[in-house]
Protein backbone atom coordinates (compact mmCIF):
# COMPACT_ATOMS: atom_id res chain seq x y z
CA MET A 1 -49.26 40.67 -13.29
CA LYS A 2 -49.02 36.99 -11.79
CA LYS A 3 -46.63 36.09 -14.31
CA ILE A 4 -44.32 39.10 -13.49
CA THR A 5 -44.50 38.31 -9.82
CA LEU A 6 -43.83 34.62 -10.40
CA LEU A 7 -40.81 35.68 -12.67
CA CYS A 8 -39.50 38.01 -10.14
CA PHE A 9 -39.79 35.38 -7.27
CA VAL A 10 -37.70 32.75 -9.47
CA LEU A 11 -35.13 35.37 -10.30
CA CYS A 12 -34.66 36.61 -6.80
CA SER A 13 -34.40 33.06 -5.37
CA THR A 14 -31.78 32.21 -7.96
CA VAL A 15 -29.82 35.43 -7.20
CA SER A 16 -30.02 34.89 -3.51
CA PHE A 17 -28.80 31.28 -3.89
CA ALA A 18 -26.13 32.10 -6.07
CA GLN A 19 -24.68 34.81 -3.77
CA LYS A 20 -23.44 32.70 -0.96
CA VAL A 21 -23.32 29.10 0.02
CA ASP A 22 -21.30 28.32 3.20
CA LEU A 23 -19.65 24.86 3.68
CA ASP A 24 -18.34 23.74 7.11
CA ARG A 25 -15.88 21.08 8.02
CA PHE A 26 -17.24 18.02 9.71
CA TYR A 27 -14.82 15.44 11.33
CA PHE A 28 -15.39 11.74 11.64
CA ASP A 29 -13.28 8.69 12.79
CA VAL A 30 -11.94 6.22 10.46
CA SER A 31 -10.10 2.89 11.13
CA PHE A 32 -8.24 0.54 8.84
CA GLN A 33 -5.14 -1.43 8.28
CA ASN A 34 -1.86 -0.40 6.53
CA LEU A 35 -1.39 -3.36 4.27
CA PRO A 36 1.76 -5.31 4.00
CA GLU A 37 4.03 -5.56 1.20
CA GLU A 38 3.54 -9.36 1.02
CA LEU A 39 0.23 -11.10 1.60
CA VAL A 40 0.49 -14.57 3.45
CA PRO A 41 -2.68 -16.76 3.76
CA PHE A 42 -4.76 -16.28 6.76
CA GLU A 43 -3.97 -19.58 8.36
CA GLN A 44 -0.29 -19.23 7.90
CA ARG A 45 -0.12 -15.95 9.82
CA THR A 46 1.96 -17.38 12.70
CA TYR A 47 5.41 -16.42 13.91
CA ALA A 48 7.90 -16.99 16.55
CA THR A 49 10.54 -14.61 17.82
CA THR A 50 13.79 -14.93 19.83
CA ILE A 51 16.04 -12.39 21.38
CA ILE A 52 19.62 -13.17 22.36
CA THR A 53 21.31 -10.98 24.65
CA ASP A 54 25.16 -10.81 25.37
CA GLY A 55 27.71 -8.71 27.24
CA PRO A 56 26.41 -5.51 28.95
CA ILE A 57 22.99 -5.85 27.43
CA SER A 58 22.35 -9.16 29.30
CA LYS A 59 23.37 -7.49 32.52
CA GLN A 60 20.77 -4.70 31.98
CA PHE A 61 18.08 -7.18 30.96
CA GLU A 62 18.48 -10.27 32.82
CA SER A 63 15.54 -11.84 31.10
CA ALA A 64 15.39 -11.69 27.17
CA LYS A 65 11.78 -12.90 27.35
CA VAL A 66 10.90 -9.40 28.56
CA LEU A 67 12.33 -7.91 25.31
CA ASN A 68 10.99 -10.59 23.22
CA ASN A 69 7.47 -9.66 24.30
CA ASP A 70 7.96 -6.41 22.50
CA LEU A 71 8.59 -8.04 18.94
CA TYR A 72 5.21 -8.50 17.13
CA ILE A 73 3.50 -8.75 13.73
CA SER A 74 0.15 -7.21 13.57
CA GLY A 75 -2.77 -9.32 12.84
CA TRP A 76 -0.62 -12.42 13.23
CA LYS A 77 -0.55 -15.02 15.96
CA LYS A 78 2.66 -15.64 17.99
CA VAL A 79 3.28 -19.56 18.47
CA ALA A 80 5.85 -21.57 20.32
CA GLU A 81 5.86 -24.34 17.58
CA ASN A 82 5.80 -24.47 13.72
CA PRO A 83 5.79 -20.93 13.02
CA THR A 84 5.46 -19.66 9.45
CA ILE A 85 7.94 -16.74 10.14
CA THR A 86 10.83 -17.42 12.65
CA LEU A 87 12.83 -14.17 13.61
CA VAL A 88 15.98 -14.39 15.79
CA LEU A 89 17.25 -10.95 16.93
CA ASN A 90 20.89 -10.96 18.42
CA LEU A 91 21.62 -8.05 20.60
CA ALA A 92 25.47 -8.90 20.75
CA ASP A 93 27.23 -5.84 22.38
CA PHE A 94 27.34 -2.45 23.48
CA TYR A 95 30.49 -0.54 24.65
CA GLU A 96 32.11 2.76 24.92
CA ALA A 97 34.13 3.26 21.81
CA GLY A 98 36.05 6.50 22.82
CA THR A 99 35.66 10.14 24.04
CA LYS A 100 36.77 13.45 22.45
CA VAL A 101 37.15 16.96 24.18
CA ASN A 102 35.52 19.76 22.07
CA THR A 103 36.70 23.42 22.27
CA LYS A 104 34.81 26.37 21.16
CA ILE A 105 36.19 29.92 21.28
CA VAL A 106 33.41 32.48 22.17
CA GLU A 107 34.19 35.98 21.22
CA GLU A 108 32.74 39.28 22.65
CA LYS A 109 32.43 42.16 20.46
CA ASP A 110 31.85 45.77 21.00
CA LYS A 111 29.03 47.82 19.08
CA ASP A 112 31.58 48.47 16.37
CA GLY A 113 32.23 44.64 15.72
CA LYS A 114 35.71 44.71 17.49
CA VAL A 115 36.62 41.70 19.59
CA ILE A 116 37.33 42.83 23.25
CA SER A 117 37.58 39.53 24.85
CA SER A 118 37.52 35.67 23.96
CA TYR A 119 37.30 32.61 26.16
CA PRO A 120 37.00 28.75 25.36
CA LEU A 121 34.03 26.51 25.99
CA TYR A 122 34.55 22.98 26.65
CA SER A 123 32.43 19.78 26.26
CA ILE A 124 33.11 16.16 25.89
CA THR A 125 31.68 13.88 23.28
CA THR A 126 31.38 10.12 23.99
CA THR A 127 30.79 7.61 21.23
CA TYR A 128 29.14 4.38 21.98
CA SER A 129 28.91 1.22 19.58
CA GLY A 130 26.10 -1.19 19.35
CA ARG A 131 26.43 -4.55 17.74
CA ALA A 132 23.13 -6.23 16.65
CA ASN A 133 22.13 -8.58 13.89
CA GLY A 134 19.10 -10.80 13.05
CA THR A 135 17.85 -13.52 10.75
CA GLN A 136 14.38 -14.01 9.29
CA THR A 137 13.18 -17.40 7.94
CA SER A 138 9.90 -17.73 6.17
CA ILE A 139 8.22 -21.19 5.36
CA LEU A 140 4.94 -20.79 3.55
CA GLN A 141 2.75 -23.74 2.81
CA PRO A 142 -0.09 -23.28 0.20
CA LYS A 143 -3.54 -23.29 1.72
CA GLU A 144 -6.64 -22.15 -0.03
CA THR A 145 -9.38 -22.38 2.55
CA PRO A 146 -10.67 -18.77 2.95
CA ALA A 147 -11.23 -17.40 6.58
CA SER A 148 -14.48 -15.90 7.43
CA VAL A 149 -15.58 -13.47 10.36
CA VAL A 150 -19.21 -13.66 11.60
CA VAL A 151 -20.51 -10.02 12.30
CA VAL A 152 -23.33 -9.48 14.81
CA ASP A 153 -25.95 -6.93 13.59
CA ALA A 154 -26.09 -3.60 15.56
CA PRO A 155 -29.40 -2.41 16.81
CA LYS A 156 -31.38 -0.46 13.99
CA PRO A 157 -31.37 3.31 14.56
CA THR A 158 -33.89 5.82 13.92
CA ASN A 159 -31.86 8.06 11.62
CA ARG A 160 -33.10 7.77 8.06
CA PHE A 161 -29.60 7.10 6.77
CA LEU A 162 -28.97 4.38 9.45
CA LYS A 163 -30.63 1.18 8.30
CA SER A 164 -29.62 -2.46 8.40
CA THR A 165 -25.84 -6.04 7.32
CA ASN A 166 -20.69 -9.71 6.38
CA GLN A 167 -17.28 -10.33 4.84
CA GLU A 168 -14.43 -12.85 3.83
CA ALA A 169 -10.73 -12.67 3.98
CA PRO A 170 -8.53 -12.89 0.87
CA LYS A 171 -6.28 -15.15 -1.12
CA THR A 172 -2.48 -14.90 -1.35
CA GLU A 173 0.78 -16.10 -2.95
CA ASN A 174 3.49 -18.55 -1.59
CA THR A 175 7.05 -17.75 -0.78
CA ASN A 176 10.14 -19.16 0.96
CA ASN A 177 13.14 -17.09 2.11
CA HIS A 178 15.81 -16.66 4.56
CA LYS A 179 17.20 -13.14 5.33
CA THR A 180 19.62 -11.57 7.53
CA PHE A 181 19.94 -7.96 8.68
CA ASN A 182 22.25 -5.75 10.65
CA PHE A 183 21.58 -2.98 13.16
CA SER A 184 25.00 -2.26 14.33
CA GLY A 185 25.77 1.35 14.69
CA ASP A 186 27.08 4.20 17.02
CA ILE A 187 25.41 6.61 19.21
CA ALA A 188 27.12 10.04 20.32
CA TYR A 189 26.46 11.89 23.45
CA THR A 190 27.97 15.39 24.05
CA THR A 191 28.09 16.92 27.74
CA LYS A 192 27.00 20.57 28.47
CA GLU A 193 29.44 23.27 27.67
CA SER A 194 31.54 24.87 30.46
CA ARG A 195 34.42 27.39 30.54
CA SER A 196 36.13 24.86 33.13
CA LEU A 197 37.48 21.79 31.21
CA ALA A 198 38.02 20.37 35.02
CA ASP A 199 34.43 20.81 35.71
CA VAL A 200 33.29 19.07 32.34
CA GLU A 201 35.67 16.05 32.91
CA LYS A 202 34.42 15.67 36.54
CA ASP A 203 30.90 15.77 35.46
CA GLU A 204 31.54 13.35 32.66
CA GLU A 205 33.24 10.86 35.09
CA GLN A 206 30.46 11.23 37.71
CA ASN A 207 27.52 10.57 35.09
CA ARG A 208 29.52 8.11 33.04
CA ARG A 209 27.78 4.82 34.16
CA THR A 210 24.25 6.50 33.91
CA ASN A 211 25.07 7.98 30.20
CA PHE A 212 26.24 4.69 29.22
CA ASN A 213 23.03 2.84 30.46
CA VAL A 214 20.71 5.30 29.06
CA ARG A 215 22.27 4.97 25.45
CA LEU A 216 22.37 1.13 25.82
CA ARG A 217 18.63 1.13 26.39
CA GLN A 218 18.17 3.63 23.69
CA PHE A 219 20.21 1.15 21.26
CA VAL A 220 17.96 -1.97 22.51
CA THR A 221 14.82 0.06 21.93
CA ASP A 222 15.94 1.33 18.48
CA CYS A 223 16.65 -2.27 17.35
CA ILE A 224 13.46 -3.52 18.47
CA ALA A 225 11.61 -0.79 16.88
CA LYS A 226 13.41 -1.34 13.58
CA THR A 227 12.76 -5.10 13.67
CA ASN A 228 9.09 -4.22 14.23
CA ARG A 229 9.02 -1.98 11.28
CA ARG A 230 10.87 -4.34 9.15
CA LEU A 231 8.35 -7.22 10.07
CA ASN A 232 5.29 -5.29 9.70
CA ASN A 233 6.14 -3.44 6.47
CA GLN A 234 6.66 -6.90 4.91
CA TYR A 235 3.77 -8.95 6.59
CA GLY A 236 1.72 -6.92 9.16
CA PHE A 237 -1.72 -5.61 9.03
CA VAL A 238 -1.09 -2.59 11.29
CA PRO A 239 -4.18 -0.84 12.48
CA THR A 240 -4.37 2.87 12.10
CA SER A 241 -6.94 5.47 12.90
CA TYR A 242 -7.50 9.19 12.64
CA LYS A 243 -10.00 11.90 12.01
CA GLU A 244 -11.24 12.50 8.35
CA GLN A 245 -13.30 15.34 7.34
CA LEU A 246 -16.32 15.95 4.88
CA TRP A 247 -17.90 19.26 3.98
CA ILE A 248 -21.46 19.98 5.07
CA MET A 249 -23.65 22.96 3.93
CA ASP A 250 -24.34 25.48 6.50
CA SER A 251 -27.97 26.62 6.01
CA LYS A 252 -31.14 26.64 8.24
CA GLU A 253 -33.20 25.75 5.04
CA GLU A 254 -34.70 22.29 4.77
CA GLU A 255 -31.47 21.03 2.70
CA GLY A 256 -29.19 22.28 5.54
CA ALA A 257 -31.10 20.10 8.09
CA ILE A 258 -30.99 17.04 5.88
CA GLN A 259 -27.27 17.56 5.42
CA LYS A 260 -26.80 17.56 9.19
CA GLU A 261 -28.76 14.49 9.67
CA ALA A 262 -26.93 12.80 6.87
CA ILE A 263 -23.62 13.86 8.22
CA GLU A 264 -24.45 12.75 11.69
CA ALA A 265 -25.18 9.44 10.12
CA VAL A 266 -21.72 9.09 8.63
CA LYS A 267 -20.07 9.92 12.19
CA LEU A 268 -22.41 7.29 13.95
CA GLN A 269 -21.65 4.68 11.20
CA PHE A 270 -17.96 5.11 10.95
CA ALA A 271 -17.64 5.24 14.73
CA GLY A 272 -18.26 1.43 14.74
CA MET A 273 -15.60 0.65 12.16
CA LYS A 274 -12.85 -1.49 13.37
CA ALA A 275 -9.71 -1.96 11.48
CA ASP A 276 -9.75 -5.90 11.72
CA GLN A 277 -13.53 -6.44 11.11
CA PRO A 278 -15.40 -6.41 7.71
CA ILE A 279 -17.23 -3.35 6.39
CA ASP A 280 -19.69 -4.92 4.21
CA LYS A 281 -22.61 -3.96 6.65
CA LEU A 282 -21.30 -0.49 6.81
CA ALA A 283 -21.23 -0.20 3.12
CA ALA A 284 -24.84 -1.35 3.06
CA ASP A 285 -25.86 0.86 5.79
CA LEU A 286 -24.28 4.13 4.08
CA GLN A 287 -26.05 3.37 0.85
CA PRO A 288 -29.16 5.93 1.47
CA LEU A 289 -26.58 8.31 2.45
CA ILE A 290 -24.69 7.74 -0.83
CA GLU A 291 -27.73 8.12 -2.84
CA TYR A 292 -28.54 11.44 -0.93
CA PHE A 293 -25.02 12.92 -1.92
CA GLU A 294 -25.61 11.64 -5.52
CA SER A 295 -28.87 13.48 -5.69
CA LEU A 296 -27.20 16.81 -5.06
CA LYS A 297 -25.29 16.53 -8.31
CA THR A 298 -28.33 16.83 -10.41
CA LYS A 299 -30.55 18.89 -7.97
CA TYR A 300 -28.05 21.78 -8.27
CA THR A 301 -27.04 22.14 -11.81
CA GLU A 302 -26.62 25.85 -12.13
CA ASP A 303 -23.43 27.30 -13.17
CA ASN A 304 -22.91 29.59 -10.43
CA LYS A 305 -20.55 29.40 -7.45
CA GLY A 306 -23.23 28.42 -4.94
CA SER A 307 -24.26 25.28 -7.06
CA LYS A 308 -20.69 24.33 -7.82
CA LYS A 309 -19.89 24.58 -4.02
CA ILE A 310 -22.92 22.23 -3.42
CA ARG A 311 -21.92 19.76 -6.00
CA TYR A 312 -18.22 20.03 -4.74
CA SER A 313 -19.23 18.87 -1.40
CA ALA A 314 -21.16 15.91 -2.95
CA TYR A 315 -18.37 14.92 -5.00
CA TYR A 316 -15.80 15.37 -2.14
CA ASN A 317 -17.84 13.53 0.42
CA LEU A 318 -18.59 10.65 -1.90
CA GLY A 319 -14.84 10.37 -2.85
CA LYS A 320 -13.84 10.06 0.77
CA ILE A 321 -16.66 7.81 1.81
CA TYR A 322 -15.76 5.34 -0.94
CA LEU A 323 -11.96 5.61 -0.11
CA TYR A 324 -12.71 4.31 3.41
CA LEU A 325 -15.15 1.80 2.10
CA ASP A 326 -12.15 0.19 0.11
CA GLN A 327 -13.76 1.26 -3.14
CA PRO A 328 -11.13 3.11 -4.61
CA GLU A 329 -12.37 2.95 -8.47
CA LYS A 330 -15.57 4.70 -7.31
CA ALA A 331 -13.45 7.20 -5.46
CA ILE A 332 -11.39 8.10 -8.49
CA LYS A 333 -14.60 8.82 -10.38
CA GLU A 334 -15.63 11.08 -7.70
CA GLY A 335 -12.18 12.77 -8.01
CA GLU A 336 -12.78 13.15 -11.72
CA GLY A 337 -16.26 14.79 -11.11
CA LEU A 338 -14.47 17.19 -8.63
CA ILE A 339 -12.15 18.39 -11.39
CA ALA A 340 -14.97 18.62 -14.05
CA ASN A 341 -17.06 20.64 -11.53
CA ASP A 342 -14.24 23.25 -11.56
CA TYR A 343 -14.35 24.26 -7.91
CA ASP A 344 -11.15 23.31 -6.16
CA LYS A 345 -9.59 21.06 -8.57
CA LYS A 346 -6.73 20.13 -6.25
CA ASP A 347 -9.02 18.01 -3.96
CA GLY A 348 -10.12 16.09 -6.99
CA LYS A 349 -6.48 15.34 -7.90
CA ASN A 350 -5.65 14.25 -4.33
CA ILE A 351 -8.64 11.81 -4.07
CA ILE A 352 -7.70 10.36 -7.65
CA GLU A 353 -3.97 9.93 -6.25
CA GLU A 354 -5.11 8.16 -3.12
CA GLY A 355 -7.54 5.97 -4.93
CA THR A 356 -4.94 5.05 -7.63
CA LYS A 357 -2.47 4.11 -5.00
CA LEU A 358 -4.97 1.92 -3.22
CA VAL A 359 -5.91 0.16 -6.50
CA GLU A 360 -2.35 -0.58 -7.17
CA HIS A 361 -1.83 -1.97 -3.74
CA PHE A 362 -4.79 -4.10 -4.15
CA ASN A 363 -3.96 -5.45 -7.31
CA LYS A 364 -0.40 -6.26 -6.14
CA LEU A 365 -1.82 -8.15 -3.16
CA GLN A 366 -4.82 -9.67 -4.84
CA LEU A 367 -6.79 -8.15 -1.96
CA ARG A 368 -9.84 -6.01 -1.99
CA THR A 369 -9.97 -4.61 1.75
CA ARG A 370 -8.01 -2.96 4.35
CA HIS A 371 -10.13 -4.55 7.06
CA ASN A 372 -8.82 -7.94 7.48
CA PRO A 373 -9.36 -10.43 10.41
CA SER A 374 -6.57 -11.13 12.91
CA LEU A 375 -5.48 -14.71 13.56
């Protein structure tokens, strides 16, 4: 009788577990750098910029120094002498190239589709032309002294997954180049439509100077934005941050309580992540959490939906954690495990794709982190 009772208990527990396992999204903050196309040695990350203004642009911007302050390379230091990268942006001219009257015929129809009246609507399109060009000179000298960053240990928390932890900057290649670029182009502006051409012409004339100044500033802003994009895509360590998600088991049982504690540890640990600071300590402090998620893979081995969902959360969470710890090879293995687990294979493919791209970028730059110091 005892054996039968025990067997029934086991069967009932298995059936109950297999019926339903709920997973909730859990969000946490991550911070890292978008890496450049070309890696420059740490000590050589210095630059200087100059903006030249002429014509109407110089009248609106009396001091080019104000504009020059808007040019930057993330993670680099702007210097006055002996820069590695020198950039000169020439905002040469901006002028009204011409105007054109637009006429649109509007037809009014009855319920049968017959035209019962028509009238013209007028507007005026003004085209403005901007002229801008630049030169970018790079002079890189070989230096092999690695840079290091000192990290102050944070206070030890009480959470079981929050325990104790340093990092170095990478090597790079040398290159010399001189490049030119052109940002010249046109901007069009069209007035509101009106039945009266005279009213449109009057409005256009009254607002002519204002419209011109607005488009001029738009042109200057666009040129600076394009220049920054160009510089930072090639050389910058652009900081970025956003919310990422993990999956946590929604349960009042002991496992659910442990998961909530573990996930809270993720949130607290990653909250201290900085884009330009090393993450060695973070990786070490997350190790108990990583071991916990690893244990779920072998703890829940049944081939039912509930077990698959728990294993899915373990593989998924580990894959995401490894990606943001700059360990893409490990993330790829978790993605492969997600696919083999046969529950939402798409997430596994996405993690593998992200990890593969990161590996390729690391290999290209001979770099192993997206958390590099700023000069």
